[in-house]
Amino acid sequence: MNPTLILSHRYTEDSQRLWQAAIQLGWHVERLHSWHIPEHLQTINEPVIYVEALMAPIIAEFFGQSLIEPPKDWLPDLPEAYRQRTVQLTTLGTARDSLLPAFVKPPNDKSFTAQVYDAATLPTDYPDETPVLVAEPVVWEKEFRCFILDRQLRTSSIYLQHGELQRAEGFVSTVEEHSELQHFVGKLLNDPRVELPRASVLDVGVIKDRGWAVVEQNSPWGAGIYGCDPAEVLEVLRYTSIPSKPPE
């Protein structure tokens, strides 16, 4: 039985491209129109979830699935050769008391804007215990999104060039950039020190005066696809959740 792509009620460009690719592959597609999930979906054999972060855990739970997310300390624990900058996992309270400015972001969500903060501008409406990643500020010359399955690069796309979204340019990169990307990502994927789930999204790019580095790891089930091949993205999405453990 073919998979069923589960989409939210939001008609985004990404969801429409995935919908079209799924139909071409012979998949079923269900678009949810509210938080309520219709009863007829209870019999779905292989749900493939692609929705916003707020809805995703609830929808996954309905289907008896747990979404795969990167460990909060994945980026700080990554070998420095792939980071090219200092990154540490700490708390919002500790970051506020430390020597700033620094680039501060939530580890796995977008609860507040990821940017360079000083002590006076850090968000105050979150508990001091809130985990955050604190990184040395750097200048990214260009950034690429990579969908990974079984430690193989399935599809990739440039998305930022000197901080500018590349949508108007059609997310087009040069042959040289693509070759450099494949070399860097291939080296990382073949390094046994780098732990990855079966399916993941890696954002990588070029830091000014330093070279290629990992921006972050993301969960595929909510990641924008930019200029990536939607059929390849769908194959990665099939493995972004695992059966939930039965209650003890």
C-alpha atoms as a PDB file:
ATOM      1  CA  MET A   1       0.000   0.000   0.000  1.00  0.00           C
ATOM      2  CA  ASN A   2       1.343   3.422  -0.946  1.00  0.00           C
ATOM      3  CA  PRO A   3       2.224   6.039   1.687  1.00  0.00           C
ATOM      4  CA  THR A   4      -0.117   8.905   2.553  1.00  0.00           C
ATOM      5  CA  LEU A   5       1.313  12.408   2.735  1.00  0.00           C
ATOM      6  CA  ILE A   6      -0.213  14.375   5.620  1.00  0.00           C
ATOM      7  CA  LEU A   7      -0.249  18.153   5.097  1.00  0.00           C
ATOM      8  CA  SER A   8      -1.615  20.985   7.217  1.00  0.00           C
ATOM      9  CA  HIS A   9      -4.309  23.436   6.113  1.00  0.00           C
ATOM     10  CA  ARG A  10      -1.676  25.990   5.032  1.00  0.00           C
ATOM     11  CA  TYR A  11      -1.243  26.080   1.262  1.00  0.00           C
ATOM     12  CA  THR A  12       2.450  26.931   1.040  1.00  0.00           C
ATOM     13  CA  GLU A  13       4.612  26.660  -2.065  1.00  0.00           C
ATOM     14  CA  ASP A  14       6.521  23.807  -0.425  1.00  0.00           C
ATOM     15  CA  SER A  15       3.415  21.826   0.486  1.00  0.00           C
ATOM     16  CA  GLN A  16       2.023  22.259  -3.017  1.00  0.00           C
ATOM     17  CA  ARG A  17       5.246  20.996  -4.614  1.00  0.00           C
ATOM     18  CA  LEU A  18       5.268  17.991  -2.296  1.00  0.00           C
ATOM     19  CA  TRP A  19       1.577  17.343  -3.013  1.00  0.00           C
ATOM     20  CA  GLN A  20       2.238  17.319  -6.769  1.00  0.00           C
ATOM     21  CA  ALA A  21       5.270  15.039  -6.394  1.00  0.00           C
ATOM     22  CA  ALA A  22       3.332  12.652  -4.142  1.00  0.00           C
ATOM     23  CA  ILE A  23       0.508  12.353  -6.684  1.00  0.00           C
ATOM     24  CA  GLN A  24       3.026  11.618  -9.445  1.00  0.00           C
ATOM     25  CA  LEU A  25       4.520   8.864  -7.285  1.00  0.00           C
ATOM     26  CA  GLY A  26       1.110   7.301  -6.721  1.00  0.00           C
ATOM     27  CA  TRP A  27       0.868   8.353  -3.078  1.00  0.00           C
ATOM     28  CA  HIS A  28      -2.314   9.390  -1.319  1.00  0.00           C
ATOM     29  CA  VAL A  29      -2.482  12.944   0.045  1.00  0.00           C
ATOM     30  CA  GLU A  30      -4.583  14.221   2.953  1.00  0.00           C
ATOM     31  CA  ARG A  31      -4.691  17.898   3.887  1.00  0.00           C
ATOM     32  CA  LEU A  32      -5.873  18.568   7.440  1.00  0.00           C
ATOM     33  CA  HIS A  33      -8.224  21.518   7.852  1.00  0.00           C
ATOM     34  CA  SER A  34      -8.064  21.797  11.637  1.00  0.00           C
ATOM     35  CA  TRP A  35      -6.485  20.273  14.734  1.00  0.00           C
ATOM     36  CA  HIS A  36      -9.198  17.609  14.561  1.00  0.00           C
ATOM     37  CA  ILE A  37      -8.065  14.577  12.569  1.00  0.00           C
ATOM     38  CA  PRO A  38     -10.903  12.793  10.695  1.00  0.00           C
ATOM     39  CA  GLU A  39     -11.719   9.238  11.718  1.00  0.00           C
ATOM     40  CA  HIS A  40     -11.121   7.830   8.229  1.00  0.00           C
ATOM     41  CA  LEU A  41      -7.430   8.618   8.630  1.00  0.00           C
ATOM     42  CA  GLN A  42      -7.125   6.143  11.506  1.00  0.00           C
ATOM     43  CA  THR A  43      -6.648   3.289   9.040  1.00  0.00           C
ATOM     44  CA  ILE A  44      -3.729   4.852   7.164  1.00  0.00           C
ATOM     45  CA  ASN A  45      -0.962   2.319   6.714  1.00  0.00           C
ATOM     46  CA  GLU A  46       2.032   4.633   6.260  1.00  0.00           C
ATOM     47  CA  PRO A  47       1.433   8.282   7.200  1.00  0.00           C
ATOM     48  CA  VAL A  48       4.182  10.667   6.082  1.00  0.00           C
ATOM     49  CA  ILE A  49       3.973  13.905   8.043  1.00  0.00           C
ATOM     50  CA  TYR A  50       4.918  17.342   6.693  1.00  0.00           C
ATOM     51  CA  VAL A  51       3.387  20.060   8.872  1.00  0.00           C
ATOM     52  CA  GLU A  52       4.304  23.045  11.032  1.00  0.00           C
ATOM     53  CA  ALA A  53       6.209  22.447  14.267  1.00  0.00           C
ATOM     54  CA  LEU A  54       3.273  23.399  16.506  1.00  0.00           C
ATOM     55  CA  MET A  55       0.981  20.756  15.004  1.00  0.00           C
ATOM     56  CA  ALA A  56       3.522  18.046  14.286  1.00  0.00           C
ATOM     57  CA  PRO A  57       3.757  16.302  17.703  1.00  0.00           C
ATOM     58  CA  ILE A  58      -0.030  16.141  18.063  1.00  0.00           C
ATOM     59  CA  ILE A  59      -0.504  14.712  14.582  1.00  0.00           C
ATOM     60  CA  ALA A  60       2.310  12.210  15.062  1.00  0.00           C
ATOM     61  CA  GLU A  61       0.809  11.051  18.360  1.00  0.00           C
ATOM     62  CA  PHE A  62      -2.543  10.462  16.646  1.00  0.00           C
ATOM     63  CA  PHE A  63      -0.819   8.056  14.254  1.00  0.00           C
ATOM     64  CA  GLY A  64       1.144   6.365  17.050  1.00  0.00           C
ATOM     65  CA  GLN A  65       4.414   7.905  15.913  1.00  0.00           C
ATOM     66  CA  SER A  66       7.215   9.859  17.579  1.00  0.00           C
ATOM     67  CA  LEU A  67       8.991  12.480  15.520  1.00  0.00           C
ATOM     68  CA  ILE A  68      12.763  12.308  15.267  1.00  0.00           C
ATOM     69  CA  GLU A  69      14.516  15.486  16.411  1.00  0.00           C
ATOM     70  CA  PRO A  70      18.224  16.308  16.681  1.00  0.00           C
ATOM     71  CA  PRO A  71      19.710  16.118  20.196  1.00  0.00           C
ATOM     72  CA  LYS A  72      19.999  19.592  21.699  1.00  0.00           C
ATOM     73  CA  ASP A  73      23.761  19.178  22.024  1.00  0.00           C
ATOM     74  CA  TRP A  74      24.332  17.854  18.500  1.00  0.00           C
ATOM     75  CA  LEU A  75      25.932  21.018  17.125  1.00  0.00           C
ATOM     76  CA  PRO A  76      28.195  21.718  20.144  1.00  0.00           C
ATOM     77  CA  ASP A  77      29.338  18.070  20.074  1.00  0.00           C
ATOM     78  CA  LEU A  78      30.098  18.140  16.349  1.00  0.00           C
ATOM     79  CA  PRO A  79      33.852  18.021  15.636  1.00  0.00           C
ATOM     80  CA  GLU A  80      35.188  21.570  15.380  1.00  0.00           C
ATOM     81  CA  ALA A  81      36.417  20.969  11.836  1.00  0.00           C
ATOM     82  CA  TYR A  82      32.762  20.833  10.743  1.00  0.00           C
ATOM     83  CA  ARG A  83      31.607  23.756  12.928  1.00  0.00           C
ATOM     84  CA  GLN A  84      34.415  26.282  12.332  1.00  0.00           C
ATOM     85  CA  ARG A  85      33.197  28.304  15.322  1.00  0.00           C
ATOM     86  CA  THR A  86      32.554  27.991  19.038  1.00  0.00           C
ATOM     87  CA  VAL A  87      29.073  26.717  19.965  1.00  0.00           C
ATOM     88  CA  GLN A  88      27.867  25.733  23.427  1.00  0.00           C
ATOM     89  CA  LEU A  89      24.604  24.475  24.906  1.00  0.00           C
ATOM     90  CA  THR A  90      23.585  26.460  27.963  1.00  0.00           C
ATOM     91  CA  THR A  91      20.533  28.171  29.458  1.00  0.00           C
ATOM     92  CA  LEU A  92      18.989  31.545  28.776  1.00  0.00           C
ATOM     93  CA  GLY A  93      19.823  32.683  32.292  1.00  0.00           C
ATOM     94  CA  THR A  94      23.473  31.711  31.955  1.00  0.00           C
ATOM     95  CA  ALA A  95      23.671  33.362  28.542  1.00  0.00           C
ATOM     96  CA  ARG A  96      22.281  36.566  30.018  1.00  0.00           C
ATOM     97  CA  ASP A  97      25.026  36.581  32.659  1.00  0.00           C
ATOM     98  CA  SER A  98      27.839  35.718  30.238  1.00  0.00           C
ATOM     99  CA  LEU A  99      29.997  37.834  27.998  1.00  0.00           C
ATOM    100  CA  LEU A 100      27.823  38.848  25.071  1.00  0.00           C
ATOM    101  CA  PRO A 101      27.178  39.753  22.249  1.00  0.00           C
ATOM    102  CA  ALA A 102      26.754  36.276  20.831  1.00  0.00           C
ATOM    103  CA  PHE A 103      24.528  34.436  18.396  1.00  0.00           C
ATOM    104  CA  VAL A 104      21.747  32.832  20.457  1.00  0.00           C
ATOM    105  CA  LYS A 105      19.036  30.432  19.285  1.00  0.00           C
ATOM    106  CA  PRO A 106      16.730  27.723  20.639  1.00  0.00           C
ATOM    107  CA  PRO A 107      18.217  24.267  19.898  1.00  0.00           C
ATOM    108  CA  ASN A 108      15.294  22.739  17.992  1.00  0.00           C
ATOM    109  CA  ASP A 109      12.516  25.254  17.534  1.00  0.00           C
ATOM    110  CA  LYS A 110      11.791  28.852  16.619  1.00  0.00           C
ATOM    111  CA  SER A 111      10.299  29.981  19.920  1.00  0.00           C
ATOM    112  CA  PHE A 112      12.323  33.174  19.595  1.00  0.00           C
ATOM    113  CA  THR A 113      14.365  34.701  16.787  1.00  0.00           C
ATOM    114  CA  ALA A 114      17.854  33.313  16.237  1.00  0.00           C
ATOM    115  CA  GLN A 115      20.212  36.286  16.025  1.00  0.00           C
ATOM    116  CA  VAL A 116      23.072  38.125  17.712  1.00  0.00           C
ATOM    117  CA  TYR A 117      22.020  39.386  21.158  1.00  0.00           C
ATOM    118  CA  ASP A 118      23.595  41.240  24.024  1.00  0.00           C
ATOM    119  CA  ALA A 119      22.508  40.895  27.653  1.00  0.00           C
ATOM    120  CA  ALA A 120      19.994  43.730  27.337  1.00  0.00           C
ATOM    121  CA  THR A 121      18.245  42.398  24.229  1.00  0.00           C
ATOM    122  CA  LEU A 122      17.906  38.697  25.099  1.00  0.00           C
ATOM    123  CA  PRO A 123      14.248  37.632  25.414  1.00  0.00           C
ATOM    124  CA  THR A 124      12.866  38.105  28.926  1.00  0.00           C
ATOM    125  CA  ASP A 125       9.547  36.264  28.553  1.00  0.00           C
ATOM    126  CA  TYR A 126      11.099  32.782  28.825  1.00  0.00           C
ATOM    127  CA  PRO A 127      12.309  30.961  31.966  1.00  0.00           C
ATOM    128  CA  ASP A 128      15.999  31.238  32.795  1.00  0.00           C
ATOM    129  CA  GLU A 129      16.185  27.424  32.493  1.00  0.00           C
ATOM    130  CA  THR A 130      15.255  27.543  28.790  1.00  0.00           C
ATOM    131  CA  PRO A 131      17.995  25.706  26.826  1.00  0.00           C
ATOM    132  CA  VAL A 132      19.773  27.768  24.182  1.00  0.00           C
ATOM    133  CA  LEU A 133      22.709  27.439  21.839  1.00  0.00           C
ATOM    134  CA  VAL A 134      25.230  30.259  22.165  1.00  0.00           C
ATOM    135  CA  ALA A 135      27.629  30.655  19.264  1.00  0.00           C
ATOM    136  CA  GLU A 136      30.479  32.874  18.232  1.00  0.00           C
ATOM    137  CA  PRO A 137      29.116  35.406  15.693  1.00  0.00           C
ATOM    138  CA  VAL A 138      30.310  34.717  12.144  1.00  0.00           C
ATOM    139  CA  VAL A 139      29.434  35.906   8.648  1.00  0.00           C
ATOM    140  CA  TRP A 140      27.852  33.294   6.382  1.00  0.00           C
ATOM    141  CA  GLU A 141      28.537  33.973   2.715  1.00  0.00           C
ATOM    142  CA  LYS A 142      26.110  31.314   1.464  1.00  0.00           C
ATOM    143  CA  GLU A 143      23.972  28.563   2.947  1.00  0.00           C
ATOM    144  CA  PHE A 144      22.574  25.310   1.557  1.00  0.00           C
ATOM    145  CA  ARG A 145      19.852  22.882   2.671  1.00  0.00           C
ATOM    146  CA  CYS A 146      20.623  19.167   2.404  1.00  0.00           C
ATOM    147  CA  PHE A 147      18.150  16.300   2.833  1.00  0.00           C
ATOM    148  CA  ILE A 148      19.965  13.213   4.123  1.00  0.00           C
ATOM    149  CA  LEU A 149      18.817   9.573   4.203  1.00  0.00           C
ATOM    150  CA  ASP A 150      20.960   6.686   5.448  1.00  0.00           C
ATOM    151  CA  ARG A 151      23.985   9.009   5.465  1.00  0.00           C
ATOM    152  CA  GLN A 152      23.527   9.779   1.774  1.00  0.00           C
ATOM    153  CA  LEU A 153      22.851  13.235   0.319  1.00  0.00           C
ATOM    154  CA  ARG A 154      19.554  12.859  -1.562  1.00  0.00           C
ATOM    155  CA  THR A 155      18.922  16.462  -2.656  1.00  0.00           C
ATOM    156  CA  SER A 156      20.227  19.935  -1.849  1.00  0.00           C
ATOM    157  CA  SER A 157      19.591  23.593  -2.590  1.00  0.00           C
ATOM    158  CA  ILE A 158      21.179  26.946  -1.933  1.00  0.00           C
ATOM    159  CA  TYR A 159      18.828  29.153   0.088  1.00  0.00           C
ATOM    160  CA  LEU A 160      20.837  32.182   1.241  1.00  0.00           C
ATOM    161  CA  GLN A 161      23.568  34.218  -0.440  1.00  0.00           C
ATOM    162  CA  HIS A 162      25.074  36.999   1.701  1.00  0.00           C
ATOM    163  CA  GLY A 163      21.955  36.845   3.874  1.00  0.00           C
ATOM    164  CA  GLU A 164      19.524  37.192   0.957  1.00  0.00           C
ATOM    165  CA  LEU A 165      16.934  34.495   0.239  1.00  0.00           C
ATOM    166  CA  GLN A 166      17.554  33.098  -3.239  1.00  0.00           C
ATOM    167  CA  ARG A 167      13.920  32.540  -4.260  1.00  0.00           C
ATOM    168  CA  ALA A 168      13.957  35.276  -6.925  1.00  0.00           C
ATOM    169  CA  GLU A 169      17.073  33.666  -8.424  1.00  0.00           C
ATOM    170  CA  GLY A 170      15.368  30.268  -8.514  1.00  0.00           C
ATOM    171  CA  PHE A 171      17.646  28.787  -5.830  1.00  0.00           C
ATOM    172  CA  VAL A 172      20.292  28.232  -8.513  1.00  0.00           C
ATOM    173  CA  SER A 173      23.903  27.529  -7.538  1.00  0.00           C
ATOM    174  CA  THR A 174      27.004  27.054  -9.669  1.00  0.00           C
ATOM    175  CA  VAL A 175      28.588  23.759 -10.676  1.00  0.00           C
ATOM    176  CA  GLU A 176      31.608  24.683  -8.548  1.00  0.00           C
ATOM    177  CA  GLU A 177      29.446  25.380  -5.495  1.00  0.00           C
ATOM    178  CA  HIS A 178      27.638  22.064  -5.926  1.00  0.00           C
ATOM    179  CA  SER A 179      30.941  20.206  -6.215  1.00  0.00           C
ATOM    180  CA  GLU A 180      32.316  21.856  -3.065  1.00  0.00           C
ATOM    181  CA  LEU A 181      29.070  21.104  -1.230  1.00  0.00           C
ATOM    182  CA  GLN A 182      29.186  17.425  -2.173  1.00  0.00           C
ATOM    183  CA  HIS A 183      32.814  17.177  -1.072  1.00  0.00           C
ATOM    184  CA  PHE A 184      32.170  18.765   2.335  1.00  0.00           C
ATOM    185  CA  VAL A 185      28.933  16.909   3.064  1.00  0.00           C
ATOM    186  CA  GLY A 186      30.378  13.624   1.810  1.00  0.00           C
ATOM    187  CA  LYS A 187      33.331  13.944   4.168  1.00  0.00           C
ATOM    188  CA  LEU A 188      31.001  14.653   7.096  1.00  0.00           C
ATOM    189  CA  LEU A 189      28.647  11.767   6.280  1.00  0.00           C
ATOM    190  CA  ASN A 190      31.558   9.329   6.084  1.00  0.00           C
ATOM    191  CA  ASP A 191      32.958  10.419   9.457  1.00  0.00           C
ATOM    192  CA  PRO A 192      31.931   7.889  12.169  1.00  0.00           C
ATOM    193  CA  ARG A 193      32.276  10.607  14.819  1.00  0.00           C
ATOM    194  CA  VAL A 194      29.256  12.402  13.381  1.00  0.00           C
ATOM    195  CA  GLU A 195      26.030  10.897  14.730  1.00  0.00           C
ATOM    196  CA  LEU A 196      22.919  11.278  12.600  1.00  0.00           C
ATOM    197  CA  PRO A 197      19.420   9.798  12.603  1.00  0.00           C
ATOM    198  CA  ARG A 198      18.380   7.799   9.574  1.00  0.00           C
ATOM    199  CA  ALA A 199      16.660  10.848   8.058  1.00  0.00           C
ATOM    200  CA  SER A 200      17.775  14.408   8.679  1.00  0.00           C
ATOM    201  CA  VAL A 201      18.260  17.856   7.217  1.00  0.00           C
ATOM    202  CA  LEU A 202      21.665  19.489   7.361  1.00  0.00           C
ATOM    203  CA  ASP A 203      22.139  23.163   6.686  1.00  0.00           C
ATOM    204  CA  VAL A 204      25.710  23.886   5.626  1.00  0.00           C
ATOM    205  CA  GLY A 205      27.472  26.896   4.210  1.00  0.00           C
ATOM    206  CA  VAL A 206      30.600  28.956   3.832  1.00  0.00           C
ATOM    207  CA  ILE A 207      31.822  31.166   6.690  1.00  0.00           C
ATOM    208  CA  LYS A 208      33.759  34.233   5.595  1.00  0.00           C
ATOM    209  CA  ASP A 209      37.529  33.684   5.957  1.00  0.00           C
ATOM    210  CA  ARG A 210      36.982  30.163   7.384  1.00  0.00           C
ATOM    211  CA  GLY A 211      35.356  27.977   4.768  1.00  0.00           C
ATOM    212  CA  TRP A 212      32.684  25.282   4.725  1.00  0.00           C
ATOM    213  CA  ALA A 213      30.850  24.508   7.971  1.00  0.00           C
ATOM    214  CA  VAL A 214      27.593  23.126   9.360  1.00  0.00           C
ATOM    215  CA  VAL A 215      24.971  25.746  10.187  1.00  0.00           C
ATOM    216  CA  GLU A 216      22.684  23.337  12.053  1.00  0.00           C
ATOM    217  CA  GLN A 217      20.738  20.090  11.844  1.00  0.00           C
ATOM    218  CA  ASN A 218      16.957  20.233  11.385  1.00  0.00           C
ATOM    219  CA  SER A 219      14.047  17.811  11.385  1.00  0.00           C
ATOM    220  CA  PRO A 220      12.833  17.051   7.834  1.00  0.00           C
ATOM    221  CA  TRP A 221       9.125  16.954   8.740  1.00  0.00           C
ATOM    222  CA  GLY A 222       8.902  20.759   8.987  1.00  0.00           C
ATOM    223  CA  ALA A 223      11.878  21.954   6.956  1.00  0.00           C
ATOM    224  CA  GLY A 224      11.467  24.203   3.931  1.00  0.00           C
ATOM    225  CA  ILE A 225      12.545  22.536   0.700  1.00  0.00           C
ATOM    226  CA  TYR A 226      13.649  25.617  -1.310  1.00  0.00           C
ATOM    227  CA  GLY A 227      14.958  24.291  -4.649  1.00  0.00           C
ATOM    228  CA  CYS A 228      15.328  20.661  -3.549  1.00  0.00           C
ATOM    229  CA  ASP A 229      13.837  17.813  -5.588  1.00  0.00           C
ATOM    230  CA  PRO A 230      10.418  17.214  -3.954  1.00  0.00           C
ATOM    231  CA  ALA A 231      10.399  13.507  -4.872  1.00  0.00           C
ATOM    232  CA  GLU A 232      13.693  13.007  -3.034  1.00  0.00           C
ATOM    233  CA  VAL A 233      12.389  15.040  -0.091  1.00  0.00           C
ATOM    234  CA  LEU A 234       9.372  12.725   0.133  1.00  0.00           C
ATOM    235  CA  GLU A 235      11.634   9.682   0.366  1.00  0.00           C
ATOM    236  CA  VAL A 236      13.482  11.296   3.286  1.00  0.00           C
ATOM    237  CA  LEU A 237      10.194  12.251   4.969  1.00  0.00           C
ATOM    238  CA  ARG A 238       9.132   8.586   5.054  1.00  0.00           C
ATOM    239  CA  TYR A 239      11.712   7.920   7.767  1.00  0.00           C
ATOM    240  CA  THR A 240      11.351  10.962  10.033  1.00  0.00           C
ATOM    241  CA  SER A 241       9.222   9.255  12.666  1.00  0.00           C
ATOM    242  CA  ILE A 242       9.270   5.988  14.578  1.00  0.00           C
ATOM    243  CA  PRO A 243       6.497   4.016  16.321  1.00  0.00           C
ATOM    244  CA  SER A 244       5.778   5.380  19.785  1.00  0.00           C
ATOM    245  CA  LYS A 245       6.550   3.187  22.752  1.00  0.00           C
ATOM    246  CA  PRO A 246       3.409   1.565  24.173  1.00  0.00           C
ATOM    247  CA  PRO A 247       2.395   2.898  27.604  1.00  0.00           C
ATOM    248  CA  GLU A 248       3.879   0.926  30.483  1.00  0.00           C
END
